[in-house]
N, C-alpha and C. Protein backbone atom coordinates (compact mmCIF):
# COMPACT_ATOMS: atom_id res chain seq x y z
N MET A 1 -34.04 159.60 -10.58
CA MET A 1 -33.61 158.82 -11.60
C MET A 1 -33.38 159.78 -12.76
N ALA A 2 -31.79 160.24 -14.15
CA ALA A 2 -31.85 161.56 -14.43
C ALA A 2 -33.42 160.79 -16.64
N ARG A 3 -32.74 161.57 -16.79
CA ARG A 3 -34.23 161.71 -17.91
C ARG A 3 -33.19 161.37 -19.18
N THR A 4 -34.24 159.72 -19.40
CA THR A 4 -33.97 159.40 -20.36
C THR A 4 -33.44 160.52 -21.77
N MET A 5 -32.98 160.11 -22.98
CA MET A 5 -33.12 161.25 -24.19
C MET A 5 -32.74 160.24 -25.09
N SER A 6 -33.80 161.31 -25.86
CA SER A 6 -34.34 160.47 -27.05
C SER A 6 -34.06 160.45 -28.49
N GLU A 7 -34.31 159.05 -28.30
CA GLU A 7 -33.79 159.09 -29.85
C GLU A 7 -32.84 160.10 -31.38
N PRO A 8 -33.53 160.98 -32.28
CA PRO A 8 -32.58 161.51 -32.55
C PRO A 8 -31.99 162.43 -31.35
N THR A 9 -32.13 163.35 -30.23
CA THR A 9 -31.18 163.98 -29.52
C THR A 9 -30.38 162.81 -28.92
N TYR A 10 -30.34 160.71 -29.15
CA TYR A 10 -28.77 159.86 -28.99
C TYR A 10 -28.58 160.60 -30.62
N PHE A 11 -28.98 160.54 -31.40
CA PHE A 11 -27.74 160.06 -33.09
C PHE A 11 -27.57 161.47 -33.25
N ILE A 12 -27.86 162.10 -32.94
CA ILE A 12 -27.12 163.51 -32.61
C ILE A 12 -26.27 163.79 -32.51
N LEU A 13 -25.27 163.57 -31.01
CA LEU A 13 -24.75 163.98 -30.56
C LEU A 13 -24.15 162.90 -31.00
N ALA A 14 -24.17 161.86 -31.26
CA ALA A 14 -23.31 160.37 -31.85
C ALA A 14 -22.73 160.63 -32.66
N ALA A 15 -23.72 161.61 -34.47
CA ALA A 15 -22.87 162.05 -35.48
C ALA A 15 -21.64 163.11 -35.50
N LEU A 16 -22.17 163.51 -33.73
CA LEU A 16 -20.46 164.66 -33.39
C LEU A 16 -19.64 163.59 -32.75
N LEU A 17 -19.85 162.16 -32.66
CA LEU A 17 -18.39 162.04 -31.71
C LEU A 17 -16.94 162.10 -32.19
N ASP A 18 -17.28 162.14 -33.86
CA ASP A 18 -16.07 162.33 -34.87
C ASP A 18 -15.11 163.23 -35.14
N GLY A 19 -15.82 164.33 -34.69
CA GLY A 19 -15.38 165.52 -34.70
C GLY A 19 -16.21 166.39 -35.21
N PRO A 20 -15.80 167.70 -35.93
CA PRO A 20 -16.85 168.36 -36.68
C PRO A 20 -17.91 168.17 -37.56
N SER A 21 -19.94 168.65 -37.22
CA SER A 21 -20.14 167.91 -38.84
C SER A 21 -21.09 169.28 -39.54
N HIS A 22 -21.56 169.08 -40.54
CA HIS A 22 -22.57 170.33 -41.02
C HIS A 22 -23.07 169.32 -41.09
N GLY A 23 -25.12 170.65 -40.97
CA GLY A 23 -25.67 170.27 -40.07
C GLY A 23 -26.65 168.58 -41.41
N TYR A 24 -26.36 169.00 -43.13
CA TYR A 24 -26.62 167.78 -43.91
C TYR A 24 -25.53 166.79 -42.81
N GLY A 25 -24.64 166.23 -43.47
CA GLY A 25 -23.71 165.49 -42.99
C GLY A 25 -24.69 164.96 -41.24
N VAL A 26 -24.96 165.94 -40.96
CA VAL A 26 -25.86 165.11 -39.50
C VAL A 26 -25.85 164.12 -39.13
N ILE A 27 -27.17 164.66 -40.04
CA ILE A 27 -28.68 164.16 -41.01
C ILE A 27 -28.42 163.13 -41.30
N LYS A 28 -27.56 162.64 -42.48
CA LYS A 28 -27.04 161.46 -41.99
C LYS A 28 -26.41 160.96 -42.74
N LEU A 29 -25.66 160.90 -41.14
CA LEU A 29 -25.13 159.98 -40.51
C LEU A 29 -26.36 159.17 -39.43
N ALA A 30 -26.76 160.77 -38.81
CA ALA A 30 -27.92 160.17 -37.65
C ALA A 30 -28.82 159.20 -38.18
N GLU A 31 -28.96 158.80 -39.55
CA GLU A 31 -30.07 157.79 -39.81
C GLU A 31 -29.31 156.96 -40.60
N GLN A 32 -28.49 156.87 -40.89
CA GLN A 32 -27.02 155.61 -41.54
C GLN A 32 -27.21 154.70 -39.81
N GLU A 33 -27.06 155.78 -38.57
CA GLU A 33 -26.59 154.60 -38.34
C GLU A 33 -27.71 154.43 -36.74
N SER A 34 -28.64 154.88 -36.97
CA SER A 34 -30.65 154.54 -36.87
C SER A 34 -30.29 153.37 -37.63
N GLY A 35 -30.34 153.27 -38.78
CA GLY A 35 -31.20 151.87 -39.08
C GLY A 35 -32.05 152.74 -39.71
N GLY A 36 -32.43 153.91 -40.36
CA GLY A 36 -33.17 154.46 -40.49
C GLY A 36 -34.44 155.31 -40.06
N ARG A 37 -33.62 154.70 -38.89
CA ARG A 37 -35.21 155.36 -37.71
C ARG A 37 -35.34 156.82 -37.45
N VAL A 38 -34.34 157.48 -37.84
CA VAL A 38 -34.00 158.79 -37.44
C VAL A 38 -33.90 160.09 -38.69
N ARG A 39 -34.88 160.47 -38.98
CA ARG A 39 -34.53 160.73 -40.57
C ARG A 39 -34.97 161.96 -39.92
N LEU A 40 -34.65 162.37 -39.95
CA LEU A 40 -34.24 164.31 -39.42
C LEU A 40 -34.35 166.05 -40.39
N ALA A 41 -35.34 166.25 -40.45
CA ALA A 41 -35.79 167.45 -41.59
C ALA A 41 -34.55 168.25 -41.11
N VAL A 42 -34.62 168.81 -41.30
CA VAL A 42 -33.39 170.39 -41.17
C VAL A 42 -33.84 171.41 -40.25
N GLY A 43 -34.68 171.60 -40.51
CA GLY A 43 -35.84 172.55 -39.32
C GLY A 43 -35.75 171.95 -37.93
N THR A 44 -36.28 170.47 -38.06
CA THR A 44 -36.17 169.55 -37.36
C THR A 44 -34.67 170.32 -36.45
N LEU A 45 -33.30 170.09 -37.71
CA LEU A 45 -32.74 169.69 -37.02
C LEU A 45 -31.61 170.85 -35.72
N TYR A 46 -31.66 172.44 -36.73
CA TYR A 46 -31.22 173.14 -36.32
C TYR A 46 -32.04 173.47 -34.67
N GLY A 47 -33.42 173.34 -34.89
CA GLY A 47 -33.87 173.95 -33.08
C GLY A 47 -32.69 172.17 -32.41
N ALA A 48 -32.95 170.69 -32.36
CA ALA A 48 -32.22 170.31 -31.63
C ALA A 48 -30.51 171.01 -31.91
N LEU A 49 -30.11 171.31 -32.73
CA LEU A 49 -28.42 171.84 -32.19
C LEU A 49 -28.74 173.29 -31.21
N ASP A 50 -29.80 173.57 -31.76
CA ASP A 50 -29.66 175.64 -30.97
C ASP A 50 -30.26 174.84 -29.16
N ARG A 51 -30.76 173.66 -29.32
CA ARG A 51 -31.74 173.41 -27.42
C ARG A 51 -30.19 173.06 -27.08
N LEU A 52 -29.33 171.77 -28.03
CA LEU A 52 -28.29 171.38 -27.73
C LEU A 52 -27.30 171.72 -27.02
N ALA A 53 -27.03 173.52 -27.56
CA ALA A 53 -26.10 174.31 -27.93
C ALA A 53 -26.71 175.22 -26.07
N GLY A 54 -27.77 175.46 -26.67
CA GLY A 54 -28.18 175.99 -24.95
C GLY A 54 -27.55 175.58 -23.78
N ALA A 55 -28.05 174.08 -24.12
CA ALA A 55 -27.85 172.68 -22.50
C ALA A 55 -25.95 172.72 -22.67
N GLY A 56 -25.05 173.40 -23.28
CA GLY A 56 -23.70 173.06 -23.45
C GLY A 56 -24.11 171.79 -23.72
N LEU A 57 -24.39 171.02 -25.43
CA LEU A 57 -24.15 169.11 -25.19
C LEU A 57 -23.69 169.97 -27.02
N VAL A 58 -23.24 170.34 -27.60
CA VAL A 58 -22.41 171.72 -28.28
C VAL A 58 -21.60 172.39 -28.71
N GLU A 59 -21.36 173.25 -29.69
CA GLU A 59 -21.40 174.01 -29.71
C GLU A 59 -21.05 174.56 -31.35
N LEU A 60 -21.70 176.18 -32.40
CA LEU A 60 -20.73 176.57 -33.00
C LEU A 60 -18.94 176.22 -33.56
N ASP A 61 -18.95 175.72 -33.79
CA ASP A 61 -17.17 175.19 -34.50
C ASP A 61 -17.13 176.23 -35.36
N ARG A 62 -17.61 176.18 -36.25
CA ARG A 62 -17.30 177.49 -37.35
C ARG A 62 -18.13 177.53 -38.70
N GLU A 63 -17.74 178.32 -39.19
CA GLU A 63 -19.51 178.01 -39.91
C GLU A 63 -18.07 179.13 -41.32
N GLU A 64 -18.87 178.50 -42.95
CA GLU A 64 -17.96 178.71 -43.66
C GLU A 64 -19.20 179.34 -44.69
N THR A 65 -19.45 179.61 -46.07
CA THR A 65 -19.92 180.25 -46.59
C THR A 65 -19.92 178.93 -48.08
N VAL A 66 -20.80 177.82 -48.95
CA VAL A 66 -20.71 176.67 -49.91
C VAL A 66 -20.76 178.08 -50.71
N GLN A 67 -21.26 177.43 -51.95
CA GLN A 67 -21.97 178.18 -53.65
C GLN A 67 -23.05 179.57 -52.98
N GLY A 68 -22.84 180.05 -52.21
CA GLY A 68 -23.41 181.14 -51.24
C GLY A 68 -24.48 181.20 -50.26
N ARG A 69 -24.64 180.04 -49.35
CA ARG A 69 -24.98 179.78 -48.69
C ARG A 69 -24.53 179.42 -47.93
N PRO A 70 -24.72 179.65 -46.26
CA PRO A 70 -23.95 179.85 -45.16
C PRO A 70 -23.95 177.90 -44.67
N ARG A 71 -23.10 177.63 -43.75
CA ARG A 71 -22.76 175.87 -43.93
C ARG A 71 -21.58 175.84 -42.41
N ARG A 72 -22.91 176.31 -41.02
CA ARG A 72 -22.45 175.78 -40.53
C ARG A 72 -22.06 174.30 -39.18
N TYR A 73 -21.10 174.45 -38.61
CA TYR A 73 -19.97 173.26 -38.30
C TYR A 73 -20.40 172.29 -36.93
N TYR A 74 -20.58 172.30 -36.06
CA TYR A 74 -21.15 171.50 -35.00
C TYR A 74 -20.07 171.38 -34.27
N ARG A 75 -19.51 170.90 -33.05
CA ARG A 75 -19.25 169.95 -32.13
C ARG A 75 -19.19 169.47 -30.85
N ILE A 76 -20.18 168.34 -30.45
CA ILE A 76 -19.45 168.02 -29.33
C ILE A 76 -19.04 168.66 -28.58
N THR A 77 -19.42 168.93 -27.31
CA THR A 77 -18.78 169.81 -26.15
C THR A 77 -18.33 168.41 -24.99
N PRO A 78 -17.05 168.49 -24.29
CA PRO A 78 -16.96 167.29 -23.49
C PRO A 78 -18.26 167.12 -22.22
N ALA A 79 -19.26 167.68 -22.47
CA ALA A 79 -20.76 167.65 -21.50
C ALA A 79 -20.94 166.45 -21.96
N GLY A 80 -21.40 167.16 -23.80
CA GLY A 80 -22.28 166.09 -25.24
C GLY A 80 -21.77 164.75 -24.64
N ARG A 81 -20.31 164.91 -24.72
CA ARG A 81 -19.79 163.17 -25.03
C ARG A 81 -20.10 162.71 -24.01
N GLU A 82 -20.30 162.94 -22.91
CA GLU A 82 -20.24 162.78 -21.38
C GLU A 82 -21.76 161.81 -21.56
N ALA A 83 -22.84 163.26 -21.54
CA ALA A 83 -24.25 162.89 -21.98
C ALA A 83 -24.22 161.67 -22.57
N VAL A 84 -24.21 161.73 -24.41
CA VAL A 84 -24.79 160.71 -24.84
C VAL A 84 -23.77 159.74 -24.34
N THR A 85 -22.91 159.83 -23.99
CA THR A 85 -22.71 158.16 -22.87
C THR A 85 -22.44 157.86 -22.03
N ALA A 86 -23.36 158.26 -21.75
CA ALA A 86 -23.82 157.74 -20.08
C ALA A 86 -25.05 157.12 -20.57
N GLU A 87 -26.30 157.77 -21.38
CA GLU A 87 -26.92 156.81 -21.92
C GLU A 87 -26.92 156.10 -22.71
N ALA A 88 -25.76 155.69 -23.47
CA ALA A 88 -25.64 155.06 -24.49
C ALA A 88 -24.88 152.89 -23.22
N GLU A 89 -24.21 153.63 -22.68
CA GLU A 89 -24.50 152.08 -21.39
C GLU A 89 -25.96 152.08 -20.32
N ARG A 90 -26.68 153.41 -20.18
CA ARG A 90 -28.05 152.62 -19.63
C ARG A 90 -28.58 152.25 -20.71
N MET A 91 -28.35 152.17 -21.38
CA MET A 91 -29.55 151.47 -23.30
C MET A 91 -28.77 149.49 -22.81
N ARG A 92 -27.06 150.05 -22.82
CA ARG A 92 -26.27 149.07 -22.74
C ARG A 92 -26.54 147.81 -22.02
N GLN A 93 -26.87 148.43 -20.92
CA GLN A 93 -27.78 147.55 -19.25
C GLN A 93 -29.41 147.16 -19.79
N ALA A 94 -29.95 148.05 -19.35
CA ALA A 94 -31.32 147.69 -19.81
C ALA A 94 -31.31 146.38 -21.44
N ALA A 95 -30.84 146.64 -22.37
CA ALA A 95 -31.06 145.86 -23.13
C ALA A 95 -30.14 144.29 -22.59
N ARG A 96 -29.52 144.37 -21.40
CA ARG A 96 -28.85 142.81 -21.15
C ARG A 96 -29.62 142.79 -19.85
N ALA A 97 -29.91 143.13 -19.55
CA ALA A 97 -31.60 143.06 -18.29
C ALA A 97 -32.61 141.92 -19.61
N VAL A 98 -32.36 142.15 -20.87
CA VAL A 98 -33.76 141.35 -21.43
C VAL A 98 -31.92 140.48 -21.54
N THR A 99 -31.51 139.96 -22.59
CA THR A 99 -30.73 140.05 -23.15
C THR A 99 -30.74 138.35 -22.32
N ARG A 100 -30.70 138.65 -21.01
CA ARG A 100 -29.91 137.99 -19.94
C ARG A 100 -30.97 136.74 -19.15
N ARG A 101 -31.99 137.35 -19.91
CA ARG A 101 -33.47 136.51 -19.78
C ARG A 101 -33.90 135.48 -21.08
N ILE A 102 -33.69 136.13 -22.38
CA ILE A 102 -33.60 135.19 -23.49
C ILE A 102 -32.77 133.84 -23.27
N SER A 103 -33.52 132.77 -23.72
CA SER A 103 -33.08 131.51 -24.01
C SER A 103 -33.78 130.98 -25.10
N PRO A 104 -32.88 129.88 -25.65
CA PRO A 104 -33.35 129.62 -26.57
C PRO A 104 -35.47 129.51 -27.31
N ARG A 105 -35.32 128.70 -25.89
CA ARG A 105 -36.57 128.27 -25.36
C ARG A 105 -37.38 129.10 -25.39
N THR A 106 -38.03 130.54 -24.34
CA THR A 106 -38.09 131.63 -24.91
C THR A 106 -38.38 132.48 -25.78
N ALA A 107 -37.51 132.43 -26.88
CA ALA A 107 -37.45 132.76 -27.84
C ALA A 107 -38.08 131.89 -29.12
N GLN A 108 -37.51 131.56 -28.52
CA GLN A 108 -38.93 130.40 -29.98
C GLN A 108 -40.73 131.24 -29.25
N ALA A 109 -40.86 131.17 -28.62
CA ALA A 109 -42.54 130.67 -27.72
C ALA A 109 -42.77 132.67 -28.56
């Protein structure tokens, strides 16, 4: 059985589905899309991005200097897109297994 993806990893990859983004953009989108559950510190994010790059799920898109500071943009790879899509499907199936058993009567219990 495939290992499940952590929630931060899921939302980092999901944040990159629309195109390349820099770290702050990934942090804000992950927090927004997770309903505030995923709040990534900068160090945590870049550690995760390095790990995901090592696994071939993201890659550096470009680097630019903004106000004298480097800003790295990352993009999701085809393998990363496949991994996050598979995780979304796994979660959808898991949720369906529960929600189809919930009836109005059991929801009130």
